[in-house]
Amino acid sequence: MDPNLDTPVLDNHLHLDPEHGQGIDAVEDFAHLGGTHMLVVNKPSWHLGVEAESGEDFRAVFETTLAVVKRASEVLDGRAWPVLGVHPGLVSRLVDERGFEPAAARDLMCDGLDIAAEYVAEGRALALKSGRPHYDVSEAVWAASNDVLRHALALGADRGCAVQLHTEATEDLTEVGAWAEERGLSREKVVKHYAGGKLDGVTPSVMSEPDWLREAADRGEPFLMETDFVDDPDRPGAVLGPKTVPRRVRTLLDEGYDDAVRLAHVETPAAVYGIDTEATLD
């Protein structure tokens, strides 16, 4: 851990691709600047060459993610955890490119989530990933996507784990929070990835843009920090790089946001995921 930071530093949502991208080099960049922990989300299945026909086909994607998480944990002063699931954009690939009916796409995606939930039940993954498209889709696809999202929430309740969501840009997911609680999952354990500085209904994982982070810090409510680093050589400038979260933590500390840093990197991870980012430091 960087002695000048003197705090755990968690990137709540990023991707690693050791075959096509920076892979462990990105982890080393993160660690060099004081990053200590990360939640590594599997890349969209088709980005890893998997065109799923059944839920079992997602295992190859999940195993790839577990392998890179193991290597990342060997580099970090803390550790990495895998977050496994089915990217909500898969529905469009299935319907628009592969000729699936929305209901059939829904069923395949739910089957993939069932496999991801097995990894959680076995203690091999920390949380699930699901959501719904952030772009315009037909009513039938939207309905199917919400069915998938609700299935993920039910699995989270059953497995006692958090669920990260990829959704449309919004400051209000109270309806989704209510869906979670109807299924027995606390809304604080539902995390909106790529959130802005203000969000109602579930826990925001704030993209590490300075203004958004200050807004979240000033609100004083639970939040996490992320980059959504995509580790794709074909999109080198996409989203934020792996050095961003430790740099933003340093800025927040310099500006006197010590309590907010502890909230984002110690207290909220403990409440949402049940992880101890202090005890897991070397």
Protein backbone atom coordinates (compact mmCIF):
# COMPACT_ATOMS: atom_id res chain seq x y z
CA MET A 1 0.00 0.00 0.00
CA ASP A 2 1.27 3.48 -0.90
CA PRO A 3 2.26 5.01 2.48
CA ASN A 4 1.18 8.42 1.22
CA LEU A 5 -2.38 7.15 0.82
CA ASP A 6 -2.54 5.05 4.01
CA THR A 7 -5.95 3.62 3.12
CA PRO A 8 -7.34 0.67 1.20
CA VAL A 9 -8.14 1.70 -2.37
CA LEU A 10 -10.83 -0.34 -4.15
CA ASP A 11 -11.80 -0.15 -7.81
CA ASN A 12 -15.32 -1.55 -7.67
CA HIS A 13 -15.76 -2.38 -11.36
CA LEU A 14 -13.19 -3.06 -14.05
CA HIS A 15 -12.34 -5.72 -16.60
CA LEU A 16 -9.07 -7.54 -17.26
CA ASP A 17 -8.16 -9.36 -20.47
CA PRO A 18 -4.79 -11.09 -20.16
CA GLU A 19 -4.98 -12.46 -23.70
CA HIS A 20 -5.93 -9.38 -25.71
CA GLY A 21 -5.43 -6.41 -23.36
CA GLN A 22 -3.07 -5.15 -20.67
CA GLY A 23 -4.11 -7.81 -18.18
CA ILE A 24 -1.77 -7.96 -15.20
CA ASP A 25 0.17 -4.92 -16.43
CA ALA A 26 -2.97 -2.89 -15.64
CA VAL A 27 -3.06 -4.37 -12.13
CA GLU A 28 0.58 -3.40 -11.62
CA ASP A 29 -0.18 0.17 -12.75
CA PHE A 30 -3.07 0.30 -10.27
CA ALA A 31 -0.96 -1.10 -7.43
CA HIS A 32 2.01 1.18 -8.15
CA LEU A 33 -0.13 4.25 -7.45
CA GLY A 34 -1.60 2.84 -4.25
CA GLY A 35 -4.48 0.67 -5.46
CA THR A 36 -5.00 -2.30 -3.16
CA HIS A 37 -8.25 -4.07 -4.06
CA MET A 38 -10.38 -4.58 -7.15
CA LEU A 39 -13.61 -6.22 -8.21
CA VAL A 40 -13.01 -7.78 -11.62
CA VAL A 41 -16.14 -8.24 -13.71
CA ASN A 42 -16.11 -10.78 -16.52
CA LYS A 43 -16.01 -9.22 -19.96
CA PRO A 44 -19.09 -9.63 -22.17
CA SER A 45 -19.12 -13.24 -23.29
CA TRP A 46 -18.88 -12.48 -27.01
CA HIS A 47 -15.79 -10.31 -26.39
CA LEU A 48 -14.08 -13.51 -25.24
CA GLY A 49 -15.24 -15.44 -28.30
CA VAL A 50 -18.14 -17.23 -26.60
CA GLU A 51 -21.43 -17.23 -28.52
CA ALA A 52 -23.49 -18.98 -25.87
CA GLU A 53 -26.10 -21.56 -26.81
CA SER A 54 -26.74 -22.66 -23.22
CA GLY A 55 -26.04 -21.49 -19.71
CA GLU A 56 -23.15 -23.94 -19.45
CA ASP A 57 -21.34 -22.08 -22.23
CA PHE A 58 -20.74 -19.17 -19.87
CA ARG A 59 -18.44 -21.30 -17.72
CA ALA A 60 -15.52 -20.62 -20.06
CA VAL A 61 -16.01 -16.87 -19.57
CA PHE A 62 -16.20 -17.24 -15.81
CA GLU A 63 -13.15 -19.49 -15.60
CA THR A 64 -11.11 -16.98 -17.60
CA THR A 65 -12.11 -14.30 -15.10
CA LEU A 66 -11.27 -16.44 -12.07
CA ALA A 67 -7.82 -17.16 -13.49
CA VAL A 68 -6.94 -13.50 -13.99
CA VAL A 69 -8.33 -12.61 -10.55
CA LYS A 70 -5.99 -15.15 -8.97
CA ARG A 71 -3.03 -13.54 -10.74
CA ALA A 72 -4.19 -10.05 -9.80
CA SER A 73 -4.38 -11.00 -6.12
CA GLU A 74 -0.74 -12.07 -6.27
CA VAL A 75 0.21 -8.53 -7.38
CA LEU A 76 -1.96 -6.47 -5.03
CA ASP A 77 -1.23 -5.58 -1.41
CA GLY A 78 -4.88 -6.45 -0.83
CA ARG A 79 -6.69 -8.78 -3.21
CA ALA A 80 -9.08 -9.01 -6.14
CA TRP A 81 -12.52 -10.64 -6.24
CA PRO A 82 -14.51 -11.86 -9.25
CA VAL A 83 -17.98 -10.57 -10.10
CA LEU A 84 -19.70 -12.90 -12.56
CA GLY A 85 -22.78 -12.58 -14.70
CA VAL A 86 -24.31 -11.89 -18.08
CA HIS A 87 -23.92 -8.50 -19.72
CA PRO A 88 -27.35 -7.03 -20.49
CA GLY A 89 -26.21 -6.05 -23.99
CA LEU A 90 -26.21 -9.73 -24.88
CA VAL A 91 -29.98 -9.51 -25.41
CA SER A 92 -29.46 -7.33 -28.48
CA ARG A 93 -26.76 -9.57 -29.88
CA LEU A 94 -29.07 -12.57 -29.48
CA VAL A 95 -32.19 -10.89 -30.88
CA ASP A 96 -30.73 -8.61 -33.55
CA GLU A 97 -27.81 -10.70 -34.79
CA ARG A 98 -28.62 -14.31 -33.95
CA GLY A 99 -32.37 -14.38 -34.52
CA PHE A 100 -33.51 -15.22 -30.99
CA GLU A 101 -36.99 -14.30 -29.84
CA PRO A 102 -36.83 -12.00 -26.77
CA ALA A 103 -38.23 -14.74 -24.52
CA ALA A 104 -35.60 -17.22 -25.70
CA ALA A 105 -32.85 -14.63 -25.17
CA ARG A 106 -34.22 -14.02 -21.67
CA ASP A 107 -34.14 -17.72 -20.84
CA LEU A 108 -30.55 -18.16 -22.05
CA MET A 109 -29.37 -15.14 -20.06
CA CYS A 110 -31.15 -16.37 -16.94
CA ASP A 111 -29.49 -19.76 -17.41
CA GLY A 112 -26.11 -18.02 -17.56
CA LEU A 113 -26.89 -16.18 -14.33
CA ASP A 114 -27.81 -19.49 -12.71
CA ILE A 115 -24.31 -20.75 -13.52
CA ALA A 116 -22.75 -17.56 -12.13
CA ALA A 117 -24.76 -18.04 -8.94
CA GLU A 118 -23.24 -21.51 -8.56
CA TYR A 119 -19.80 -19.89 -8.38
CA VAL A 120 -21.07 -17.57 -5.66
CA ALA A 121 -22.56 -20.48 -3.73
CA GLU A 122 -19.21 -22.29 -3.95
CA GLY A 123 -17.37 -19.23 -2.62
CA ARG A 124 -15.51 -18.76 -5.91
CA ALA A 125 -17.19 -15.45 -6.83
CA LEU A 126 -18.16 -12.50 -4.67
CA ALA A 127 -21.19 -11.06 -6.47
CA LEU A 128 -23.38 -11.22 -9.57
CA LYS A 129 -23.60 -8.90 -12.55
CA SER A 130 -26.76 -8.18 -14.56
CA GLY A 131 -28.84 -5.20 -15.68
CA ARG A 132 -30.75 -3.93 -18.68
CA PRO A 133 -29.83 -2.04 -21.86
CA HIS A 134 -28.76 1.59 -21.55
CA TYR A 135 -30.01 2.28 -25.10
CA ASP A 136 -33.41 2.20 -26.79
CA VAL A 137 -34.88 -1.25 -27.41
CA SER A 138 -38.29 -2.64 -28.32
CA GLU A 139 -40.92 -3.11 -25.63
CA ALA A 140 -40.51 -6.87 -25.88
CA VAL A 141 -36.75 -6.69 -25.38
CA TRP A 142 -37.16 -4.22 -22.49
CA ALA A 143 -39.64 -6.55 -20.80
CA ALA A 144 -37.35 -9.54 -21.31
CA SER A 145 -34.39 -7.57 -19.95
CA ASN A 146 -36.29 -6.59 -16.82
CA ASP A 147 -37.19 -10.23 -16.32
CA VAL A 148 -33.48 -11.09 -16.43
CA LEU A 149 -32.66 -8.29 -13.99
CA ARG A 150 -35.32 -9.45 -11.54
CA HIS A 151 -34.01 -13.02 -11.83
CA ALA A 152 -30.54 -11.77 -10.89
CA LEU A 153 -31.99 -10.00 -7.85
CA ALA A 154 -33.73 -13.21 -6.78
CA LEU A 155 -30.47 -15.12 -7.16
CA GLY A 156 -28.68 -12.49 -5.10
CA ALA A 157 -31.25 -12.91 -2.35
CA ASP A 158 -30.94 -16.69 -2.52
CA ARG A 159 -27.13 -16.65 -2.45
CA GLY A 160 -26.89 -13.74 0.01
CA CYS A 161 -24.70 -11.73 -2.35
CA ALA A 162 -24.64 -8.30 -3.95
CA VAL A 163 -25.74 -7.70 -7.53
CA GLN A 164 -23.99 -5.16 -9.75
CA LEU A 165 -26.22 -3.65 -12.42
CA HIS A 166 -25.49 -2.08 -15.79
CA THR A 167 -28.48 0.16 -16.58
CA GLU A 168 -29.58 3.29 -18.36
CA ALA A 169 -28.19 6.61 -17.10
CA THR A 170 -30.44 7.70 -14.24
CA GLU A 171 -30.46 9.25 -10.78
CA ASP A 172 -33.41 7.13 -9.62
CA LEU A 173 -33.52 3.36 -9.33
CA THR A 174 -36.00 3.21 -6.47
CA GLU A 175 -38.21 0.84 -8.47
CA VAL A 176 -35.31 -1.58 -8.88
CA GLY A 177 -34.52 -1.23 -5.17
CA ALA A 178 -38.13 -2.18 -4.43
CA TRP A 179 -37.87 -5.20 -6.75
CA ALA A 180 -34.82 -6.33 -4.78
CA GLU A 181 -36.54 -6.00 -1.42
CA GLU A 182 -39.62 -7.83 -2.73
CA ARG A 183 -37.29 -10.75 -3.42
CA GLY A 184 -35.51 -10.58 -0.08
CA LEU A 185 -32.38 -8.69 -1.15
CA SER A 186 -31.50 -5.46 0.65
CA ARG A 187 -31.44 -2.53 -1.76
CA GLU A 188 -28.02 -1.49 -0.42
CA LYS A 189 -26.65 -4.75 -1.87
CA VAL A 190 -27.79 -3.67 -5.33
CA VAL A 191 -25.07 -1.58 -6.97
CA LYS A 192 -25.48 0.61 -10.04
CA HIS A 193 -22.24 0.48 -11.96
CA TYR A 194 -21.28 3.63 -13.90
CA ALA A 195 -23.28 5.90 -11.59
CA GLY A 196 -23.04 9.64 -11.30
CA GLY A 197 -22.63 11.50 -8.03
CA LYS A 198 -26.31 11.30 -7.10
CA LEU A 199 -28.46 8.19 -7.08
CA ASP A 200 -31.57 7.15 -5.19
CA GLY A 201 -32.80 3.60 -4.64
CA VAL A 202 -29.61 1.50 -4.69
CA THR A 203 -25.90 1.93 -3.95
CA PRO A 204 -24.00 3.99 -6.53
CA SER A 205 -20.66 2.87 -7.91
CA VAL A 206 -19.50 6.28 -9.01
CA MET A 207 -17.45 6.70 -12.15
CA SER A 208 -14.28 8.38 -10.94
CA GLU A 209 -14.83 11.77 -12.51
CA PRO A 210 -13.78 14.47 -10.01
CA ASP A 211 -17.06 16.40 -9.97
CA TRP A 212 -19.14 13.24 -9.58
CA LEU A 213 -16.95 12.05 -6.72
CA ARG A 214 -17.19 15.38 -4.91
CA GLU A 215 -20.98 15.30 -5.30
CA ALA A 216 -21.13 11.78 -3.87
CA ALA A 217 -18.76 12.71 -1.05
CA ASP A 218 -20.76 15.80 -0.13
CA ARG A 219 -23.98 13.75 0.05
CA GLY A 220 -22.44 11.61 2.79
CA GLU A 221 -24.35 8.50 1.68
CA PRO A 222 -22.77 5.11 0.91
CA PHE A 223 -20.95 4.97 -2.42
CA LEU A 224 -18.18 3.09 -4.22
CA MET A 225 -15.61 4.20 -6.80
CA GLU A 226 -14.85 2.60 -10.16
CA THR A 227 -13.20 3.07 -13.54
CA ASP A 228 -15.03 0.53 -15.73
CA PHE A 229 -11.60 -0.05 -17.30
CA VAL A 230 -12.43 -2.18 -20.35
CA ASP A 231 -8.91 -3.51 -21.16
CA ASP A 232 -9.57 -3.50 -24.90
CA PRO A 233 -6.68 -2.58 -27.24
CA ASP A 234 -9.22 -1.60 -29.91
CA ARG A 235 -10.66 1.04 -27.54
CA PRO A 236 -7.55 2.46 -25.84
CA GLY A 237 -9.23 5.66 -24.66
CA ALA A 238 -12.51 4.10 -23.60
CA VAL A 239 -13.80 4.86 -20.12
CA LEU A 240 -11.08 5.37 -17.45
CA GLY A 241 -7.64 3.84 -17.00
CA PRO A 242 -6.51 1.60 -14.13
CA LYS A 243 -4.50 4.38 -12.44
CA THR A 244 -7.56 6.60 -12.02
CA VAL A 245 -9.06 5.44 -8.72
CA PRO A 246 -5.84 5.78 -6.66
CA ARG A 247 -5.23 9.18 -8.24
CA ARG A 248 -8.75 10.33 -7.37
CA VAL A 249 -8.38 9.01 -3.82
CA ARG A 250 -5.24 11.09 -3.44
CA THR A 251 -7.13 14.16 -4.68
CA LEU A 252 -10.03 13.56 -2.30
CA LEU A 253 -7.65 13.19 0.64
CA ASP A 254 -5.83 16.37 -0.36
CA GLU A 255 -9.18 18.18 -0.39
CA GLY A 256 -10.10 16.97 3.08
CA TYR A 257 -12.56 14.22 2.13
CA ASP A 258 -11.04 11.67 4.51
CA ASP A 259 -14.43 10.45 5.77
CA ALA A 260 -15.72 10.00 2.23
CA VAL A 261 -12.66 7.97 1.27
CA ARG A 262 -13.20 5.67 4.24
CA LEU A 263 -16.89 5.42 3.35
CA ALA A 264 -16.14 4.40 -0.25
CA HIS A 265 -13.22 2.06 0.36
CA VAL A 266 -13.87 0.49 3.77
CA GLU A 267 -17.42 0.99 5.06
CA THR A 268 -19.48 0.59 1.89
CA PRO A 269 -17.56 -2.48 0.64
CA ALA A 270 -18.15 -4.09 4.04
CA ALA A 271 -21.87 -3.28 4.01
CA VAL A 272 -22.49 -4.25 0.38
CA TYR A 273 -20.19 -7.22 -0.15
CA GLY A 274 -19.22 -8.30 3.34
CA ILE A 275 -15.53 -7.78 2.58
CA ASP A 276 -12.92 -6.26 4.89
CA THR A 277 -10.52 -4.15 2.86
CA GLU A 278 -8.36 -3.44 5.91
CA ALA A 279 -7.97 -6.99 7.21
CA THR A 280 -7.12 -8.25 3.71
CA LEU A 281 -4.12 -5.93 3.35
CA ASP A 282 -0.67 -7.52 3.57
